[in-house]
Amino acid sequence: MEYGYARVSTNAQHIDRQIEDLHGAGLTDNAIFVDKESGKDFDRANYKKLKRTLKAGDVLYVKSIDRLGRDYAMILEEWRVLTKEKGIDIVVIDMPLLDTRIEGKNLVGKFIADVVLQVLSFVD
């Protein structure tokens, strides 16, 4: 299954662009989880629901890596949990190198995505 996640920090912010990009990736509204909460941690109602829904082999789409959260150390750990422990793939629409499906789900694609994510954590 394929799912999308969109997040803005407040109710006053617009989520339309993220939803549009997730639709462009082929996702329907039923497969998109939305939170209007801070990205300071992963204690968000719909993110937790999404995480419970995800199964090995599923794909999670996000528009940009910062939609997962604000803190790169936390994002790195969550990325590890999702890809290594849960066995899902992640696609970051705005950054094609952050796509664990690269090279047909072999180790090269996962390695490239992990390296790019590590580099981003150092420039934050």
N, C-alpha and C. Protein backbone atom coordinates (compact mmCIF):
# COMPACT_ATOMS: atom_id res chain seq x y z
N MET A 1 0.85 -1.18 0.00
CA MET A 1 0.00 0.00 0.00
C MET A 1 0.89 1.24 0.00
N GLU A 2 0.33 2.32 -0.50
CA GLU A 2 1.02 3.60 -0.53
C GLU A 2 0.24 4.61 0.28
N TYR A 3 0.96 5.36 1.10
CA TYR A 3 0.35 6.36 1.97
C TYR A 3 1.11 7.67 1.85
N GLY A 4 0.44 8.75 2.23
CA GLY A 4 1.07 10.05 2.25
C GLY A 4 0.90 10.68 3.61
N TYR A 5 1.83 11.56 3.94
CA TYR A 5 1.73 12.30 5.19
C TYR A 5 1.99 13.77 4.90
N ALA A 6 1.11 14.62 5.42
CA ALA A 6 1.24 16.07 5.28
C ALA A 6 1.09 16.70 6.65
N ARG A 7 1.88 17.76 6.88
CA ARG A 7 1.81 18.42 8.18
C ARG A 7 2.09 19.91 8.04
N VAL A 8 1.31 20.69 8.75
CA VAL A 8 1.60 22.10 8.97
C VAL A 8 1.58 22.31 10.48
N SER A 9 2.21 23.38 10.94
CA SER A 9 2.36 23.58 12.37
C SER A 9 1.13 24.14 13.07
N THR A 10 0.29 24.89 12.32
CA THR A 10 -0.89 25.50 12.93
C THR A 10 -2.09 25.39 12.00
N ASN A 11 -3.26 25.58 12.57
CA ASN A 11 -4.49 25.57 11.77
C ASN A 11 -4.54 26.71 10.78
N ALA A 12 -3.80 27.79 11.04
CA ALA A 12 -3.80 28.95 10.16
C ALA A 12 -3.00 28.72 8.88
N GLN A 13 -2.12 27.74 8.88
CA GLN A 13 -1.30 27.46 7.71
C GLN A 13 -2.06 26.57 6.72
N HIS A 14 -1.69 26.69 5.45
CA HIS A 14 -2.37 25.94 4.39
C HIS A 14 -1.62 24.66 4.04
N ILE A 15 -2.37 23.61 3.84
CA ILE A 15 -1.79 22.31 3.55
C ILE A 15 -2.00 21.91 2.09
N ASP A 16 -2.66 22.80 1.34
CA ASP A 16 -3.08 22.49 -0.03
C ASP A 16 -1.94 22.03 -0.94
N ARG A 17 -0.81 22.70 -0.89
CA ARG A 17 0.31 22.36 -1.78
C ARG A 17 0.83 20.94 -1.51
N GLN A 18 0.91 20.59 -0.24
CA GLN A 18 1.37 19.25 0.11
C GLN A 18 0.38 18.19 -0.41
N ILE A 19 -0.90 18.45 -0.21
CA ILE A 19 -1.93 17.51 -0.66
C ILE A 19 -1.88 17.39 -2.18
N GLU A 20 -1.72 18.51 -2.87
CA GLU A 20 -1.64 18.51 -4.33
C GLU A 20 -0.46 17.63 -4.80
N ASP A 21 0.68 17.78 -4.17
CA ASP A 21 1.85 16.98 -4.55
C ASP A 21 1.65 15.50 -4.24
N LEU A 22 0.99 15.20 -3.14
CA LEU A 22 0.70 13.79 -2.81
C LEU A 22 -0.28 13.20 -3.81
N HIS A 23 -1.27 13.98 -4.22
CA HIS A 23 -2.18 13.53 -5.28
C HIS A 23 -1.40 13.28 -6.57
N GLY A 24 -0.44 14.17 -6.87
CA GLY A 24 0.40 14.02 -8.05
C GLY A 24 1.21 12.74 -8.03
N ALA A 25 1.49 12.23 -6.84
CA ALA A 25 2.21 10.97 -6.69
C ALA A 25 1.27 9.77 -6.81
N GLY A 26 -0.03 10.06 -7.04
CA GLY A 26 -0.99 8.99 -7.24
C GLY A 26 -1.79 8.60 -6.02
N LEU A 27 -1.67 9.35 -4.95
CA LEU A 27 -2.39 9.01 -3.72
C LEU A 27 -3.78 9.63 -3.69
N THR A 28 -4.71 8.92 -3.10
CA THR A 28 -6.06 9.44 -2.91
C THR A 28 -6.17 10.02 -1.50
N ASP A 29 -7.21 10.81 -1.27
CA ASP A 29 -7.41 11.40 0.05
C ASP A 29 -7.48 10.35 1.15
N ASN A 30 -8.04 9.18 0.85
CA ASN A 30 -8.15 8.11 1.84
C ASN A 30 -6.80 7.59 2.30
N ALA A 31 -5.76 7.79 1.51
CA ALA A 31 -4.43 7.28 1.84
C ALA A 31 -3.51 8.36 2.40
N ILE A 32 -4.05 9.56 2.62
CA ILE A 32 -3.24 10.67 3.10
C ILE A 32 -3.62 11.01 4.54
N PHE A 33 -2.62 11.05 5.39
CA PHE A 33 -2.80 11.40 6.80
C PHE A 33 -2.31 12.83 6.98
N VAL A 34 -3.10 13.64 7.69
CA VAL A 34 -2.79 15.07 7.85
C VAL A 34 -2.78 15.44 9.33
N ASP A 35 -1.75 16.20 9.72
CA ASP A 35 -1.70 16.78 11.06
C ASP A 35 -1.50 18.28 10.93
N LYS A 36 -2.14 19.00 11.82
CA LYS A 36 -1.93 20.45 11.94
C LYS A 36 -1.40 20.68 13.35
N GLU A 37 -0.17 20.21 13.53
CA GLU A 37 0.50 20.27 14.82
C GLU A 37 1.97 20.54 14.61
N SER A 38 2.61 20.99 15.65
CA SER A 38 4.05 21.26 15.61
C SER A 38 4.83 19.99 15.26
N GLY A 39 5.98 20.19 14.63
CA GLY A 39 6.86 19.08 14.30
C GLY A 39 7.93 18.87 15.34
N LYS A 40 7.73 19.38 16.55
CA LYS A 40 8.75 19.28 17.59
C LYS A 40 9.00 17.85 18.04
N ASP A 41 8.01 16.98 17.86
CA ASP A 41 8.18 15.57 18.17
C ASP A 41 7.20 14.77 17.32
N PHE A 42 7.18 13.47 17.50
CA PHE A 42 6.32 12.61 16.69
C PHE A 42 5.03 12.22 17.42
N ASP A 43 4.71 12.94 18.47
CA ASP A 43 3.50 12.69 19.24
C ASP A 43 2.34 13.47 18.63
N ARG A 44 1.98 13.06 17.40
CA ARG A 44 0.89 13.70 16.66
C ARG A 44 -0.15 12.64 16.35
N ALA A 45 -1.40 12.96 16.55
CA ALA A 45 -2.49 11.98 16.46
C ALA A 45 -2.50 11.22 15.14
N ASN A 46 -2.54 11.92 14.02
CA ASN A 46 -2.64 11.23 12.74
C ASN A 46 -1.33 10.58 12.30
N TYR A 47 -0.20 11.13 12.74
CA TYR A 47 1.08 10.47 12.44
C TYR A 47 1.14 9.13 13.16
N LYS A 48 0.71 9.11 14.43
CA LYS A 48 0.71 7.84 15.18
C LYS A 48 -0.24 6.83 14.53
N LYS A 49 -1.39 7.31 14.06
CA LYS A 49 -2.33 6.43 13.36
C LYS A 49 -1.70 5.88 12.08
N LEU A 50 -1.03 6.76 11.32
CA LEU A 50 -0.33 6.33 10.10
C LEU A 50 0.71 5.27 10.43
N LYS A 51 1.50 5.51 11.45
CA LYS A 51 2.58 4.59 11.82
C LYS A 51 2.02 3.22 12.20
N ARG A 52 0.87 3.21 12.87
CA ARG A 52 0.23 1.92 13.20
C ARG A 52 -0.29 1.22 11.95
N THR A 53 -0.67 2.00 10.93
CA THR A 53 -1.22 1.46 9.69
C THR A 53 -0.14 0.86 8.80
N LEU A 54 1.05 1.48 8.80
CA LEU A 54 2.14 1.04 7.91
C LEU A 54 2.58 -0.39 8.19
N LYS A 55 2.75 -1.14 7.13
CA LYS A 55 3.21 -2.53 7.20
C LYS A 55 4.43 -2.70 6.30
N ALA A 56 5.19 -3.73 6.54
CA ALA A 56 6.37 -4.02 5.71
C ALA A 56 5.97 -4.04 4.24
N GLY A 57 6.76 -3.37 3.41
CA GLY A 57 6.49 -3.31 1.98
C GLY A 57 5.69 -2.09 1.55
N ASP A 58 5.10 -1.37 2.51
CA ASP A 58 4.35 -0.16 2.18
C ASP A 58 5.31 0.97 1.80
N VAL A 59 4.76 2.01 1.18
CA VAL A 59 5.53 3.18 0.78
C VAL A 59 4.89 4.40 1.42
N LEU A 60 5.73 5.25 2.04
CA LEU A 60 5.27 6.50 2.63
C LEU A 60 5.82 7.66 1.82
N TYR A 61 4.93 8.53 1.34
CA TYR A 61 5.30 9.73 0.59
C TYR A 61 5.15 10.95 1.49
N VAL A 62 6.14 11.84 1.46
CA VAL A 62 6.04 13.16 2.09
C VAL A 62 6.57 14.17 1.08
N LYS A 63 6.04 15.38 1.12
CA LYS A 63 6.49 16.41 0.17
C LYS A 63 7.94 16.79 0.43
N SER A 64 8.28 17.04 1.69
CA SER A 64 9.65 17.40 2.03
C SER A 64 10.00 16.79 3.39
N ILE A 65 11.28 16.63 3.63
CA ILE A 65 11.72 15.93 4.84
C ILE A 65 11.30 16.67 6.10
N ASP A 66 11.20 17.99 6.05
CA ASP A 66 10.82 18.73 7.24
C ASP A 66 9.34 18.57 7.60
N ARG A 67 8.56 17.95 6.73
CA ARG A 67 7.17 17.66 7.08
C ARG A 67 7.10 16.52 8.10
N LEU A 68 8.12 15.69 8.16
CA LEU A 68 8.16 14.66 9.20
C LEU A 68 8.41 15.30 10.56
N GLY A 69 9.32 16.26 10.62
CA GLY A 69 9.63 16.90 11.90
C GLY A 69 10.61 18.03 11.72
N ARG A 70 10.91 18.69 12.83
CA ARG A 70 11.82 19.84 12.80
C ARG A 70 13.25 19.46 13.14
N ASP A 71 13.44 18.46 13.96
CA ASP A 71 14.75 18.11 14.48
C ASP A 71 15.32 16.94 13.69
N TYR A 72 16.48 17.17 13.03
CA TYR A 72 17.03 16.13 12.15
C TYR A 72 17.46 14.89 12.92
N ALA A 73 17.90 15.03 14.16
CA ALA A 73 18.27 13.85 14.94
C ALA A 73 17.04 12.96 15.14
N MET A 74 15.91 13.58 15.43
CA MET A 74 14.67 12.81 15.59
C MET A 74 14.22 12.21 14.26
N ILE A 75 14.38 12.98 13.18
CA ILE A 75 14.01 12.47 11.86
C ILE A 75 14.87 11.27 11.50
N LEU A 76 16.18 11.35 11.78
CA LEU A 76 17.08 10.22 11.50
C LEU A 76 16.63 8.96 12.23
N GLU A 77 16.27 9.11 13.49
CA GLU A 77 15.83 7.94 14.27
C GLU A 77 14.50 7.40 13.73
N GLU A 78 13.58 8.30 13.41
CA GLU A 78 12.29 7.86 12.88
C GLU A 78 12.47 7.19 11.53
N TRP A 79 13.35 7.72 10.69
CA TRP A 79 13.67 7.13 9.39
C TRP A 79 14.17 5.70 9.58
N ARG A 80 15.07 5.53 10.56
CA ARG A 80 15.62 4.20 10.85
C ARG A 80 14.51 3.24 11.29
N VAL A 81 13.65 3.69 12.18
CA VAL A 81 12.56 2.84 12.66
C VAL A 81 11.66 2.44 11.50
N LEU A 82 11.28 3.42 10.67
CA LEU A 82 10.36 3.12 9.57
C LEU A 82 10.99 2.20 8.53
N THR A 83 12.22 2.49 8.12
CA THR A 83 12.82 1.71 7.03
C THR A 83 13.43 0.40 7.50
N LYS A 84 14.06 0.40 8.65
CA LYS A 84 14.76 -0.81 9.11
C LYS A 84 13.86 -1.72 9.93
N GLU A 85 13.16 -1.15 10.90
CA GLU A 85 12.33 -1.98 11.78
C GLU A 85 10.99 -2.34 11.16
N LYS A 86 10.32 -1.36 10.55
CA LYS A 86 9.01 -1.63 9.96
C LYS A 86 9.11 -2.14 8.52
N GLY A 87 10.25 -1.90 7.86
CA GLY A 87 10.44 -2.40 6.50
C GLY A 87 9.64 -1.67 5.44
N ILE A 88 9.42 -0.37 5.64
CA ILE A 88 8.70 0.41 4.63
C ILE A 88 9.69 1.23 3.82
N ASP A 89 9.25 1.70 2.67
CA ASP A 89 10.03 2.61 1.85
C ASP A 89 9.50 4.02 2.06
N ILE A 90 10.41 5.00 1.93
CA ILE A 90 10.03 6.40 2.06
C ILE A 90 10.43 7.14 0.80
N VAL A 91 9.52 7.97 0.32
CA VAL A 91 9.77 8.81 -0.85
C VAL A 91 9.56 10.26 -0.43
N VAL A 92 10.63 11.08 -0.55
CA VAL A 92 10.53 12.51 -0.29
C VAL A 92 10.41 13.18 -1.65
N ILE A 93 9.23 13.69 -1.95
CA ILE A 93 8.91 14.20 -3.28
C ILE A 93 9.86 15.31 -3.73
N ASP A 94 10.19 16.23 -2.84
CA ASP A 94 11.04 17.37 -3.20
C ASP A 94 12.54 17.02 -3.26
N MET A 95 12.91 15.81 -2.89
CA MET A 95 14.32 15.43 -2.89
C MET A 95 14.44 13.99 -3.39
N PRO A 96 14.53 13.80 -4.70
CA PRO A 96 14.52 12.45 -5.28
C PRO A 96 15.59 11.50 -4.73
N LEU A 97 16.70 12.02 -4.22
CA LEU A 97 17.70 11.12 -3.64
C LEU A 97 17.23 10.49 -2.33
N LEU A 98 16.21 11.10 -1.71
CA LEU A 98 15.62 10.51 -0.51
C LEU A 98 14.43 9.64 -0.92
N ASP A 99 14.76 8.57 -1.57
CA ASP A 99 13.77 7.60 -2.06
C ASP A 99 14.38 6.23 -1.88
N THR A 100 13.90 5.52 -0.88
CA THR A 100 14.51 4.21 -0.59
C THR A 100 14.13 3.15 -1.61
N ARG A 101 13.27 3.51 -2.58
CA ARG A 101 12.93 2.56 -3.64
C ARG A 101 13.97 2.57 -4.75
N ILE A 102 14.92 3.50 -4.74
CA ILE A 102 15.93 3.64 -5.79
C ILE A 102 16.60 2.28 -6.04
N GLU A 103 16.87 2.03 -7.30
CA GLU A 103 17.56 0.80 -7.71
C GLU A 103 16.77 -0.45 -7.34
N GLY A 104 15.48 -0.39 -7.48
CA GLY A 104 14.66 -1.58 -7.30
C GLY A 104 14.72 -2.19 -5.91
N LYS A 105 14.75 -1.36 -4.90
CA LYS A 105 14.72 -1.80 -3.51
C LYS A 105 15.96 -2.59 -3.10
N ASN A 106 17.08 -2.34 -3.75
CA ASN A 106 18.27 -3.02 -3.28
C ASN A 106 19.00 -2.14 -2.27
N LEU A 107 20.10 -2.62 -1.75
CA LEU A 107 20.82 -1.90 -0.71
C LEU A 107 21.41 -0.57 -1.20
N VAL A 108 21.71 -0.45 -2.48
CA VAL A 108 22.28 0.79 -2.99
C VAL A 108 21.31 1.94 -2.79
N GLY A 109 20.05 1.75 -3.15
CA GLY A 109 19.06 2.81 -2.99
C GLY A 109 18.87 3.19 -1.54
N LYS A 110 18.78 2.22 -0.67
CA LYS A 110 18.63 2.51 0.76
C LYS A 110 19.87 3.21 1.29
N PHE A 111 21.04 2.79 0.86
CA PHE A 111 22.29 3.40 1.30
C PHE A 111 22.36 4.86 0.85
N ILE A 112 22.02 5.13 -0.40
CA ILE A 112 22.06 6.51 -0.91
C ILE A 112 21.13 7.40 -0.10
N ALA A 113 19.92 6.95 0.14
CA ALA A 113 18.96 7.74 0.91
C ALA A 113 19.47 7.97 2.33
N ASP A 114 20.04 6.95 2.95
CA ASP A 114 20.56 7.08 4.31
C ASP A 114 21.72 8.07 4.35
N VAL A 115 22.62 8.01 3.37
CA VAL A 115 23.77 8.93 3.33
C VAL A 115 23.29 10.37 3.15
N VAL A 116 22.36 10.60 2.24
CA VAL A 116 21.84 11.95 2.01
C VAL A 116 21.20 12.48 3.29
N LEU A 117 20.44 11.65 3.97
CA LEU A 117 19.79 12.06 5.20
C LEU A 117 20.83 12.39 6.28
N GLN A 118 21.89 11.60 6.37
CA GLN A 118 22.96 11.87 7.34
C GLN A 118 23.63 13.21 7.03
N VAL A 119 23.91 13.48 5.76
CA VAL A 119 24.53 14.74 5.37
C VAL A 119 23.62 15.91 5.75
N LEU A 120 22.34 15.78 5.47
CA LEU A 120 21.39 16.86 5.83
C LEU A 120 21.39 17.12 7.32
N SER A 121 21.56 16.09 8.13
CA SER A 121 21.54 16.27 9.59
C SER A 121 22.71 17.12 10.06
N PHE A 122 23.81 17.12 9.33
CA PHE A 122 24.97 17.89 9.73
C PHE A 122 24.87 19.36 9.33
N VAL A 123 24.07 19.68 8.35
CA VAL A 123 23.94 21.06 7.91
C VAL A 123 22.77 21.77 8.56
N ASP A 124 22.04 21.09 9.40
CA ASP A 124 20.89 21.68 10.08
C ASP A 124 21.35 22.65 11.14
